[in-house]
Amino acid sequence: MDDKRQELTARNFPTAQDDAAAAAALPRYGGPNSAYRLAFTDEDFLLREELRPVRMQLELLKPEMVQAQHGIESTIVIFGSARIPPADVAQQALDRAQRSGDALALARAQTQVRMSRYYEEARRFAALVTEASRRLDPPIYVVTGGGPGIMEAGNRGAHEVGGKSIGLNIVLPHEQEPNPYITPELCFLFHYFGLRKMHFLMRSIALVCFPGGFGTMDELFEVLTLVQTRKSRKRPVLLFGKDFWTRLINFDVLVEEGMISPEDVHLFQYVETAEEAWAVIADAYALDAPASTSGAFADDI
């Protein structure tokens, strides 16, 4: 009887995996120019210029389906420079520069030591989010670009308090290797910048920008433009380090010259510490979760 019942829901056709495994290579049609391959297992075919729309769809679908499978509904995005090191690494570089007597190397190392505080704040912030999420339903996950620097700090903070985090890597001539703190099943690789950007925003409840270069500004201004034009809902956009951002961008000039409206400068706000950033987000969503870290990581920071 059980066998008969199972026939009610049995597949009518083999799975794609079944056919891929069963498709035996034939000597006569096994050459490099042969078309005798299943379309979805034929890499040369999938990489053709004409298949770009299909590849874009796949790149949208894969992270979407995997994150849905893991129950990820809400994220906080951490942007920032790939070139900001941890405090201990920056201090080691400074020690070497001081011994070398190289004035240029010394100046660069001193800057890195000063900027390394942002690595530690990003690390602490990610830990706060991850700790707080244990008391939230649904939880909030940290997502980064998956690389070194501030991105590493975000994934590291979540990892060090025993939480999961997401990394959205992209193939680049350099800096494309994932940092070691991303949850392996949530580490994705992109070819298309546009689709990667979509996945940054699709689940985000807030965006936290640390000092960075072109990539960070690209992400920041895209978010501000989408919110300004109401193509995306308003959410907290936090800029870590008022001194850095006000020296880098004079938003008042944009207002004075009529390039943006006076109220547009309220699309973001400055913060200085991990606790301040989390407090802004918690207040925005009425989250009743204390901002605190625990365990060895709290002692380490």
C-alpha atoms as a PDB file:
ATOM      1  CA  MET A   1       0.000   0.000   0.000  1.00  0.00           C
ATOM      2  CA  ASP A   2       2.787   2.438   0.866  1.00  0.00           C
ATOM      3  CA  ASP A   3       4.426   1.838  -2.513  1.00  0.00           C
ATOM      4  CA  LYS A   4       1.131   2.587  -4.233  1.00  0.00           C
ATOM      5  CA  ARG A   5       0.728   5.794  -2.238  1.00  0.00           C
ATOM      6  CA  GLN A   6       4.221   6.940  -3.200  1.00  0.00           C
ATOM      7  CA  GLU A   7       3.280   6.614  -6.857  1.00  0.00           C
ATOM      8  CA  LEU A   8       0.845   9.510  -6.360  1.00  0.00           C
ATOM      9  CA  THR A   9       3.714  11.956  -5.915  1.00  0.00           C
ATOM     10  CA  ALA A  10       6.405  10.194  -7.921  1.00  0.00           C
ATOM     11  CA  ARG A  11       8.240  12.205 -10.593  1.00  0.00           C
ATOM     12  CA  ASN A  12       7.069  11.713 -14.143  1.00  0.00           C
ATOM     13  CA  PHE A  13      10.485  12.572 -15.608  1.00  0.00           C
ATOM     14  CA  PRO A  14      14.111  12.098 -14.572  1.00  0.00           C
ATOM     15  CA  THR A  15      15.749  14.980 -12.710  1.00  0.00           C
ATOM     16  CA  ALA A  16      18.318  17.174 -14.408  1.00  0.00           C
ATOM     17  CA  GLN A  17      20.944  15.581 -12.150  1.00  0.00           C
ATOM     18  CA  ASP A  18      19.850  12.109 -13.305  1.00  0.00           C
ATOM     19  CA  ASP A  19      20.180  12.998 -16.982  1.00  0.00           C
ATOM     20  CA  ALA A  20      23.469  14.822 -16.469  1.00  0.00           C
ATOM     21  CA  ALA A  21      24.894  11.713 -14.811  1.00  0.00           C
ATOM     22  CA  ALA A  22      23.430   9.393 -17.442  1.00  0.00           C
ATOM     23  CA  ALA A  23      24.651  11.349 -20.472  1.00  0.00           C
ATOM     24  CA  ALA A  24      27.595   9.196 -21.465  1.00  0.00           C
ATOM     25  CA  ALA A  25      30.351  10.603 -23.647  1.00  0.00           C
ATOM     26  CA  LEU A  26      30.436   8.966 -27.068  1.00  0.00           C
ATOM     27  CA  PRO A  27      33.767   8.637 -28.913  1.00  0.00           C
ATOM     28  CA  ARG A  28      32.342   9.752 -32.204  1.00  0.00           C
ATOM     29  CA  TYR A  29      30.810  12.899 -30.670  1.00  0.00           C
ATOM     30  CA  GLY A  30      33.301  13.579 -27.915  1.00  0.00           C
ATOM     31  CA  GLY A  31      35.507  16.139 -29.646  1.00  0.00           C
ATOM     32  CA  PRO A  32      35.833  19.754 -28.515  1.00  0.00           C
ATOM     33  CA  ASN A  33      33.625  20.987 -31.354  1.00  0.00           C
ATOM     34  CA  SER A  34      30.834  18.516 -30.737  1.00  0.00           C
ATOM     35  CA  ALA A  35      27.412  19.867 -29.784  1.00  0.00           C
ATOM     36  CA  TYR A  36      26.546  16.546 -28.144  1.00  0.00           C
ATOM     37  CA  ARG A  37      26.193  17.861 -24.588  1.00  0.00           C
ATOM     38  CA  LEU A  38      23.233  18.819 -22.469  1.00  0.00           C
ATOM     39  CA  ALA A  39      22.798  22.581 -22.791  1.00  0.00           C
ATOM     40  CA  PHE A  40      22.872  23.131 -19.015  1.00  0.00           C
ATOM     41  CA  THR A  41      26.150  21.203 -18.632  1.00  0.00           C
ATOM     42  CA  ASP A  42      27.843  22.780 -21.660  1.00  0.00           C
ATOM     43  CA  GLU A  43      30.100  25.507 -20.242  1.00  0.00           C
ATOM     44  CA  ASP A  44      31.205  26.768 -23.643  1.00  0.00           C
ATOM     45  CA  PHE A  45      27.571  27.268 -24.595  1.00  0.00           C
ATOM     46  CA  LEU A  46      26.628  28.975 -21.305  1.00  0.00           C
ATOM     47  CA  LEU A  47      29.528  31.410 -21.653  1.00  0.00           C
ATOM     48  CA  ARG A  48      28.568  32.593 -25.117  1.00  0.00           C
ATOM     49  CA  GLU A  49      27.903  36.313 -25.519  1.00  0.00           C
ATOM     50  CA  GLU A  50      24.288  35.639 -26.481  1.00  0.00           C
ATOM     51  CA  LEU A  51      23.660  33.842 -23.172  1.00  0.00           C
ATOM     52  CA  ARG A  52      24.320  36.940 -21.047  1.00  0.00           C
ATOM     53  CA  PRO A  53      20.611  37.303 -20.114  1.00  0.00           C
ATOM     54  CA  VAL A  54      20.573  33.708 -18.876  1.00  0.00           C
ATOM     55  CA  ARG A  55      23.755  34.209 -16.860  1.00  0.00           C
ATOM     56  CA  MET A  56      22.326  37.370 -15.314  1.00  0.00           C
ATOM     57  CA  GLN A  57      19.191  35.505 -14.331  1.00  0.00           C
ATOM     58  CA  LEU A  58      21.244  32.718 -12.764  1.00  0.00           C
ATOM     59  CA  GLU A  59      23.336  35.236 -10.852  1.00  0.00           C
ATOM     60  CA  LEU A  60      20.170  36.817  -9.491  1.00  0.00           C
ATOM     61  CA  LEU A  61      18.542  33.498  -8.646  1.00  0.00           C
ATOM     62  CA  LYS A  62      21.341  31.601  -6.935  1.00  0.00           C
ATOM     63  CA  PRO A  63      21.959  33.963  -3.974  1.00  0.00           C
ATOM     64  CA  GLU A  64      18.212  34.610  -3.731  1.00  0.00           C
ATOM     65  CA  MET A  65      17.362  30.925  -3.457  1.00  0.00           C
ATOM     66  CA  VAL A  66      20.207  30.040  -1.108  1.00  0.00           C
ATOM     67  CA  GLN A  67      19.438  32.889   1.281  1.00  0.00           C
ATOM     68  CA  ALA A  68      15.745  32.011   1.246  1.00  0.00           C
ATOM     69  CA  GLN A  69      16.693  28.430   2.023  1.00  0.00           C
ATOM     70  CA  HIS A  70      18.606  29.662   5.090  1.00  0.00           C
ATOM     71  CA  GLY A  71      15.724  31.869   6.216  1.00  0.00           C
ATOM     72  CA  ILE A  72      17.594  35.139   5.684  1.00  0.00           C
ATOM     73  CA  GLU A  73      15.085  37.985   5.459  1.00  0.00           C
ATOM     74  CA  SER A  74      16.835  41.012   7.004  1.00  0.00           C
ATOM     75  CA  THR A  75      20.429  42.191   6.636  1.00  0.00           C
ATOM     76  CA  ILE A  76      22.638  45.107   7.571  1.00  0.00           C
ATOM     77  CA  VAL A  77      25.162  45.978   4.884  1.00  0.00           C
ATOM     78  CA  ILE A  78      28.670  47.051   5.881  1.00  0.00           C
ATOM     79  CA  PHE A  79      30.651  48.960   3.249  1.00  0.00           C
ATOM     80  CA  GLY A  80      34.192  50.256   3.581  1.00  0.00           C
ATOM     81  CA  SER A  81      37.746  50.164   2.336  1.00  0.00           C
ATOM     82  CA  ALA A  82      39.533  46.912   1.566  1.00  0.00           C
ATOM     83  CA  ARG A  83      42.775  48.677   2.588  1.00  0.00           C
ATOM     84  CA  ILE A  84      42.107  49.342   6.271  1.00  0.00           C
ATOM     85  CA  PRO A  85      43.969  46.749   8.370  1.00  0.00           C
ATOM     86  CA  PRO A  86      43.294  45.405  11.872  1.00  0.00           C
ATOM     87  CA  ALA A  87      44.891  47.407  14.673  1.00  0.00           C
ATOM     88  CA  ASP A  88      47.544  44.775  15.447  1.00  0.00           C
ATOM     89  CA  VAL A  89      48.579  44.473  11.803  1.00  0.00           C
ATOM     90  CA  ALA A  90      48.766  48.260  11.472  1.00  0.00           C
ATOM     91  CA  GLN A  91      50.923  48.489  14.595  1.00  0.00           C
ATOM     92  CA  GLN A  92      53.317  45.842  13.272  1.00  0.00           C
ATOM     93  CA  ALA A  93      53.676  47.794  10.031  1.00  0.00           C
ATOM     94  CA  LEU A  94      54.385  50.945  12.033  1.00  0.00           C
ATOM     95  CA  ASP A  95      57.065  49.179  14.059  1.00  0.00           C
ATOM     96  CA  ARG A  96      58.762  48.015  10.857  1.00  0.00           C
ATOM     97  CA  ALA A  97      58.561  51.479   9.314  1.00  0.00           C
ATOM     98  CA  GLN A  98      60.088  53.069  12.386  1.00  0.00           C
ATOM     99  CA  ARG A  99      62.997  50.644  12.239  1.00  0.00           C
ATOM    100  CA  SER A 100      63.486  51.205   8.507  1.00  0.00           C
ATOM    101  CA  GLY A 101      63.912  54.962   8.734  1.00  0.00           C
ATOM    102  CA  ASP A 102      61.861  55.372   5.529  1.00  0.00           C
ATOM    103  CA  ALA A 103      59.902  58.613   6.002  1.00  0.00           C
ATOM    104  CA  LEU A 104      57.294  57.768   3.339  1.00  0.00           C
ATOM    105  CA  ALA A 105      56.705  54.297   4.766  1.00  0.00           C
ATOM    106  CA  LEU A 106      56.471  55.773   8.245  1.00  0.00           C
ATOM    107  CA  ALA A 107      53.835  58.327   7.211  1.00  0.00           C
ATOM    108  CA  ARG A 108      51.806  55.622   5.464  1.00  0.00           C
ATOM    109  CA  ALA A 109      52.045  53.330   8.494  1.00  0.00           C
ATOM    110  CA  GLN A 110      50.964  56.102  10.843  1.00  0.00           C
ATOM    111  CA  THR A 111      47.904  56.705   8.686  1.00  0.00           C
ATOM    112  CA  GLN A 112      47.060  53.002   8.767  1.00  0.00           C
ATOM    113  CA  VAL A 113      47.301  52.923  12.551  1.00  0.00           C
ATOM    114  CA  ARG A 114      44.940  55.895  12.736  1.00  0.00           C
ATOM    115  CA  MET A 115      42.481  54.348  10.279  1.00  0.00           C
ATOM    116  CA  SER A 116      42.631  50.906  11.876  1.00  0.00           C
ATOM    117  CA  ARG A 117      40.197  52.062  14.534  1.00  0.00           C
ATOM    118  CA  TYR A 118      37.502  51.767  11.885  1.00  0.00           C
ATOM    119  CA  TYR A 119      38.372  48.095  11.384  1.00  0.00           C
ATOM    120  CA  GLU A 120      37.869  47.535  15.093  1.00  0.00           C
ATOM    121  CA  GLU A 121      34.604  49.507  15.149  1.00  0.00           C
ATOM    122  CA  ALA A 122      33.266  47.519  12.179  1.00  0.00           C
ATOM    123  CA  ARG A 123      34.247  44.329  13.958  1.00  0.00           C
ATOM    124  CA  ARG A 124      32.506  45.439  17.160  1.00  0.00           C
ATOM    125  CA  PHE A 125      29.440  46.636  15.281  1.00  0.00           C
ATOM    126  CA  ALA A 126      29.016  43.300  13.503  1.00  0.00           C
ATOM    127  CA  ALA A 127      29.319  41.536  16.843  1.00  0.00           C
ATOM    128  CA  LEU A 128      26.626  43.785  18.349  1.00  0.00           C
ATOM    129  CA  VAL A 129      24.255  43.095  15.460  1.00  0.00           C
ATOM    130  CA  THR A 130      24.859  39.359  15.626  1.00  0.00           C
ATOM    131  CA  GLU A 131      24.451  39.179  19.412  1.00  0.00           C
ATOM    132  CA  ALA A 132      21.265  41.246  19.302  1.00  0.00           C
ATOM    133  CA  SER A 133      19.871  39.093  16.499  1.00  0.00           C
ATOM    134  CA  ARG A 134      19.763  36.081  18.768  1.00  0.00           C
ATOM    135  CA  ARG A 135      16.829  37.769  20.494  1.00  0.00           C
ATOM    136  CA  LEU A 136      15.087  38.885  17.300  1.00  0.00           C
ATOM    137  CA  ASP A 137      12.650  37.084  15.023  1.00  0.00           C
ATOM    138  CA  PRO A 138      13.563  37.103  12.225  1.00  0.00           C
ATOM    139  CA  PRO A 139      17.250  37.622  12.975  1.00  0.00           C
ATOM    140  CA  ILE A 140      19.374  40.235  11.233  1.00  0.00           C
ATOM    141  CA  TYR A 141      22.519  39.162   9.420  1.00  0.00           C
ATOM    142  CA  VAL A 142      25.610  41.152   8.523  1.00  0.00           C
ATOM    143  CA  VAL A 143      26.486  41.224   4.827  1.00  0.00           C
ATOM    144  CA  THR A 144      29.708  42.570   3.306  1.00  0.00           C
ATOM    145  CA  GLY A 145      31.478  42.599  -0.021  1.00  0.00           C
ATOM    146  CA  GLY A 146      33.404  39.575   1.207  1.00  0.00           C
ATOM    147  CA  GLY A 147      36.930  40.918   0.789  1.00  0.00           C
ATOM    148  CA  PRO A 148      39.614  42.217   3.165  1.00  0.00           C
ATOM    149  CA  GLY A 149      39.728  45.380   5.286  1.00  0.00           C
ATOM    150  CA  ILE A 150      36.397  46.675   6.579  1.00  0.00           C
ATOM    151  CA  MET A 151      34.607  43.805   4.849  1.00  0.00           C
ATOM    152  CA  GLU A 152      36.726  41.287   6.720  1.00  0.00           C
ATOM    153  CA  ALA A 153      36.064  43.152   9.973  1.00  0.00           C
ATOM    154  CA  GLY A 154      32.301  42.813   9.472  1.00  0.00           C
ATOM    155  CA  ASN A 155      32.389  39.091   8.810  1.00  0.00           C
ATOM    156  CA  ARG A 156      34.956  38.595  11.556  1.00  0.00           C
ATOM    157  CA  GLY A 157      32.853  40.313  14.202  1.00  0.00           C
ATOM    158  CA  ALA A 158      29.897  38.050  13.447  1.00  0.00           C
ATOM    159  CA  HIS A 159      32.096  34.958  13.349  1.00  0.00           C
ATOM    160  CA  GLU A 160      33.770  35.702  16.665  1.00  0.00           C
ATOM    161  CA  VAL A 161      30.483  35.699  18.539  1.00  0.00           C
ATOM    162  CA  GLY A 162      29.384  32.478  16.878  1.00  0.00           C
ATOM    163  CA  GLY A 163      27.054  33.923  14.252  1.00  0.00           C
ATOM    164  CA  LYS A 164      26.586  33.596  10.520  1.00  0.00           C
ATOM    165  CA  SER A 165      27.340  36.334   8.003  1.00  0.00           C
ATOM    166  CA  ILE A 166      27.174  36.798   4.261  1.00  0.00           C
ATOM    167  CA  GLY A 167      29.871  37.723   1.753  1.00  0.00           C
ATOM    168  CA  LEU A 168      29.093  38.943  -1.776  1.00  0.00           C
ATOM    169  CA  ASN A 169      32.391  38.624  -3.589  1.00  0.00           C
ATOM    170  CA  ILE A 170      33.044  39.669  -7.165  1.00  0.00           C
ATOM    171  CA  VAL A 171      35.705  38.594  -9.639  1.00  0.00           C
ATOM    172  CA  LEU A 172      38.344  41.342  -9.861  1.00  0.00           C
ATOM    173  CA  PRO A 173      41.971  41.469 -11.001  1.00  0.00           C
ATOM    174  CA  HIS A 174      42.864  41.776  -7.306  1.00  0.00           C
ATOM    175  CA  GLU A 175      41.253  41.529  -3.847  1.00  0.00           C
ATOM    176  CA  GLN A 176      38.636  39.013  -4.984  1.00  0.00           C
ATOM    177  CA  GLU A 177      39.520  36.189  -2.584  1.00  0.00           C
ATOM    178  CA  PRO A 178      36.929  35.821   0.210  1.00  0.00           C
ATOM    179  CA  ASN A 179      38.046  36.598   3.723  1.00  0.00           C
ATOM    180  CA  PRO A 180      38.116  33.550   6.036  1.00  0.00           C
ATOM    181  CA  TYR A 181      35.282  34.688   8.334  1.00  0.00           C
ATOM    182  CA  ILE A 182      32.332  34.412   5.931  1.00  0.00           C
ATOM    183  CA  THR A 183      29.927  31.552   6.617  1.00  0.00           C
ATOM    184  CA  PRO A 184      30.902  29.121   3.810  1.00  0.00           C
ATOM    185  CA  GLU A 185      27.357  28.343   2.684  1.00  0.00           C
ATOM    186  CA  LEU A 186      26.655  32.106   2.465  1.00  0.00           C
ATOM    187  CA  CYS A 187      29.738  33.067   0.469  1.00  0.00           C
ATOM    188  CA  PHE A 188      28.759  34.052  -3.073  1.00  0.00           C
ATOM    189  CA  LEU A 189      30.749  35.014  -6.166  1.00  0.00           C
ATOM    190  CA  PHE A 190      29.473  37.501  -8.748  1.00  0.00           C
ATOM    191  CA  HIS A 191      30.467  38.516 -12.247  1.00  0.00           C
ATOM    192  CA  TYR A 192      27.960  41.368 -12.649  1.00  0.00           C
ATOM    193  CA  PHE A 193      28.365  44.410 -10.402  1.00  0.00           C
ATOM    194  CA  GLY A 194      24.733  45.397 -10.922  1.00  0.00           C
ATOM    195  CA  LEU A 195      23.342  42.116  -9.637  1.00  0.00           C
ATOM    196  CA  ARG A 196      25.698  42.140  -6.678  1.00  0.00           C
ATOM    197  CA  LYS A 197      24.402  45.610  -5.807  1.00  0.00           C
ATOM    198  CA  MET A 198      20.833  44.362  -6.003  1.00  0.00           C
ATOM    199  CA  HIS A 199      21.601  41.631  -3.494  1.00  0.00           C
ATOM    200  CA  PHE A 200      23.181  44.155  -1.137  1.00  0.00           C
ATOM    201  CA  LEU A 201      19.909  46.084  -1.036  1.00  0.00           C
ATOM    202  CA  MET A 202      17.153  43.513  -1.468  1.00  0.00           C
ATOM    203  CA  ARG A 203      17.091  42.452   2.203  1.00  0.00           C
ATOM    204  CA  SER A 204      18.858  45.383   3.847  1.00  0.00           C
ATOM    205  CA  ILE A 205      17.276  47.242   6.746  1.00  0.00           C
ATOM    206  CA  ALA A 206      20.270  49.588   7.091  1.00  0.00           C
ATOM    207  CA  LEU A 207      23.535  50.483   5.373  1.00  0.00           C
ATOM    208  CA  VAL A 208      26.647  51.301   7.343  1.00  0.00           C
ATOM    209  CA  CYS A 209      29.484  53.007   5.455  1.00  0.00           C
ATOM    210  CA  PHE A 210      32.988  53.179   6.860  1.00  0.00           C
ATOM    211  CA  PRO A 211      35.747  55.219   5.224  1.00  0.00           C
ATOM    212  CA  GLY A 212      36.572  53.913   1.780  1.00  0.00           C
ATOM    213  CA  GLY A 213      37.433  54.746  -1.793  1.00  0.00           C
ATOM    214  CA  PHE A 214      35.683  54.590  -5.151  1.00  0.00           C
ATOM    215  CA  GLY A 215      33.833  51.347  -4.421  1.00  0.00           C
ATOM    216  CA  THR A 216      32.472  52.574  -1.099  1.00  0.00           C
ATOM    217  CA  MET A 217      31.356  55.889  -2.597  1.00  0.00           C
ATOM    218  CA  ASP A 218      29.792  54.065  -5.529  1.00  0.00           C
ATOM    219  CA  GLU A 219      27.651  51.985  -3.191  1.00  0.00           C
ATOM    220  CA  LEU A 220      26.836  54.937  -0.922  1.00  0.00           C
ATOM    221  CA  PHE A 221      25.687  57.276  -3.677  1.00  0.00           C
ATOM    222  CA  GLU A 222      23.689  54.577  -5.405  1.00  0.00           C
ATOM    223  CA  VAL A 223      21.770  53.931  -2.190  1.00  0.00           C
ATOM    224  CA  LEU A 224      21.233  57.649  -1.576  1.00  0.00           C
ATOM    225  CA  THR A 225      20.015  58.127  -5.146  1.00  0.00           C
ATOM    226  CA  LEU A 226      17.573  55.226  -4.920  1.00  0.00           C
ATOM    227  CA  VAL A 227      16.138  56.549  -1.663  1.00  0.00           C
ATOM    228  CA  GLN A 228      16.108  60.168  -2.861  1.00  0.00           C
ATOM    229  CA  THR A 229      14.171  59.183  -5.993  1.00  0.00           C
ATOM    230  CA  ARG A 230      11.919  56.859  -3.976  1.00  0.00           C
ATOM    231  CA  LYS A 231      12.920  53.845  -6.004  1.00  0.00           C
ATOM    232  CA  SER A 232      13.853  52.264  -2.667  1.00  0.00           C
ATOM    233  CA  ARG A 233      12.309  52.663   0.755  1.00  0.00           C
ATOM    234  CA  LYS A 234      14.023  54.888   3.267  1.00  0.00           C
ATOM    235  CA  ARG A 235      16.237  53.147   5.796  1.00  0.00           C
ATOM    236  CA  PRO A 236      19.091  54.184   8.098  1.00  0.00           C
ATOM    237  CA  VAL A 237      22.240  55.102   6.176  1.00  0.00           C
ATOM    238  CA  LEU A 238      25.068  55.617   8.650  1.00  0.00           C
ATOM    239  CA  LEU A 239      28.447  57.153   7.860  1.00  0.00           C
ATOM    240  CA  PHE A 240      31.152  56.168  10.319  1.00  0.00           C
ATOM    241  CA  GLY A 241      33.562  58.997  11.056  1.00  0.00           C
ATOM    242  CA  LYS A 242      32.147  62.485  10.531  1.00  0.00           C
ATOM    243  CA  ASP A 243      35.606  64.021  10.197  1.00  0.00           C
ATOM    244  CA  PHE A 244      36.499  61.706   7.300  1.00  0.00           C
ATOM    245  CA  TRP A 245      33.247  62.138   5.408  1.00  0.00           C
ATOM    246  CA  THR A 246      32.961  65.918   5.802  1.00  0.00           C
ATOM    247  CA  ARG A 247      36.528  66.364   4.588  1.00  0.00           C
ATOM    248  CA  LEU A 248      35.857  64.046   1.654  1.00  0.00           C
ATOM    249  CA  ILE A 249      32.448  65.375   0.543  1.00  0.00           C
ATOM    250  CA  ASN A 250      31.055  68.851   1.095  1.00  0.00           C
ATOM    251  CA  PHE A 251      27.343  68.123   1.046  1.00  0.00           C
ATOM    252  CA  ASP A 252      26.611  71.758   1.943  1.00  0.00           C
ATOM    253  CA  VAL A 253      28.002  72.833  -1.426  1.00  0.00           C
ATOM    254  CA  LEU A 254      25.505  70.538  -3.166  1.00  0.00           C
ATOM    255  CA  VAL A 255      22.697  72.248  -1.252  1.00  0.00           C
ATOM    256  CA  GLU A 256      24.060  75.767  -1.813  1.00  0.00           C
ATOM    257  CA  GLU A 257      24.422  75.190  -5.554  1.00  0.00           C
ATOM    258  CA  GLY A 258      20.940  73.691  -5.798  1.00  0.00           C
ATOM    259  CA  MET A 259      22.174  70.252  -6.817  1.00  0.00           C
ATOM    260  CA  ILE A 260      20.233  68.547  -4.014  1.00  0.00           C
ATOM    261  CA  SER A 261      17.367  69.660  -1.783  1.00  0.00           C
ATOM    262  CA  PRO A 262      18.120  70.796   1.783  1.00  0.00           C
ATOM    263  CA  GLU A 263      16.211  67.803   3.185  1.00  0.00           C
ATOM    264  CA  ASP A 264      18.412  65.383   1.216  1.00  0.00           C
ATOM    265  CA  VAL A 265      21.196  65.801   3.764  1.00  0.00           C
ATOM    266  CA  HIS A 266      18.909  64.011   6.216  1.00  0.00           C
ATOM    267  CA  LEU A 267      19.002  60.815   4.148  1.00  0.00           C
ATOM    268  CA  PHE A 268      22.075  59.824   6.178  1.00  0.00           C
ATOM    269  CA  GLN A 269      23.655  60.541   9.529  1.00  0.00           C
ATOM    270  CA  TYR A 270      27.098  60.371  11.059  1.00  0.00           C
ATOM    271  CA  VAL A 271      28.092  57.971  13.828  1.00  0.00           C
ATOM    272  CA  GLU A 272      31.372  57.341  15.615  1.00  0.00           C
ATOM    273  CA  THR A 273      31.008  54.090  17.553  1.00  0.00           C
ATOM    274  CA  ALA A 274      29.521  50.646  17.130  1.00  0.00           C
ATOM    275  CA  GLU A 275      27.133  51.251  20.018  1.00  0.00           C
ATOM    276  CA  GLU A 276      25.906  54.525  18.532  1.00  0.00           C
ATOM    277  CA  ALA A 277      25.297  52.882  15.150  1.00  0.00           C
ATOM    278  CA  TRP A 278      23.350  49.995  16.642  1.00  0.00           C
ATOM    279  CA  ALA A 279      21.320  52.382  18.817  1.00  0.00           C
ATOM    280  CA  VAL A 280      20.216  54.332  15.710  1.00  0.00           C
ATOM    281  CA  ILE A 281      19.111  51.142  13.948  1.00  0.00           C
ATOM    282  CA  ALA A 282      17.419  49.699  17.028  1.00  0.00           C
ATOM    283  CA  ASP A 283      15.515  52.957  17.512  1.00  0.00           C
ATOM    284  CA  ALA A 284      14.459  53.083  13.856  1.00  0.00           C
ATOM    285  CA  TYR A 285      12.825  49.659  14.116  1.00  0.00           C
ATOM    286  CA  ALA A 286      11.861  49.678  17.813  1.00  0.00           C
ATOM    287  CA  LEU A 287      14.110  46.710  18.475  1.00  0.00           C
ATOM    288  CA  ASP A 288      14.148  45.804  22.146  1.00  0.00           C
ATOM    289  CA  ALA A 289      17.613  44.274  22.219  1.00  0.00           C
ATOM    290  CA  PRO A 290      20.541  45.515  24.294  1.00  0.00           C
ATOM    291  CA  ALA A 291      23.699  46.535  22.442  1.00  0.00           C
ATOM    292  CA  SER A 292      26.364  44.431  24.114  1.00  0.00           C
ATOM    293  CA  THR A 293      28.893  41.814  23.220  1.00  0.00           C
ATOM    294  CA  SER A 294      29.786  38.798  25.289  1.00  0.00           C
ATOM    295  CA  GLY A 295      32.447  36.158  25.649  1.00  0.00           C
ATOM    296  CA  ALA A 296      36.091  36.308  24.674  1.00  0.00           C
ATOM    297  CA  PHE A 297      35.467  38.802  21.865  1.00  0.00           C
ATOM    298  CA  ALA A 298      34.186  41.427  24.313  1.00  0.00           C
ATOM    299  CA  ASP A 299      37.411  41.079  26.300  1.00  0.00           C
ATOM    300  CA  ASP A 300      39.479  41.273  23.140  1.00  0.00           C
ATOM    301  CA  ILE A 301      38.026  44.625  22.102  1.00  0.00           C
END
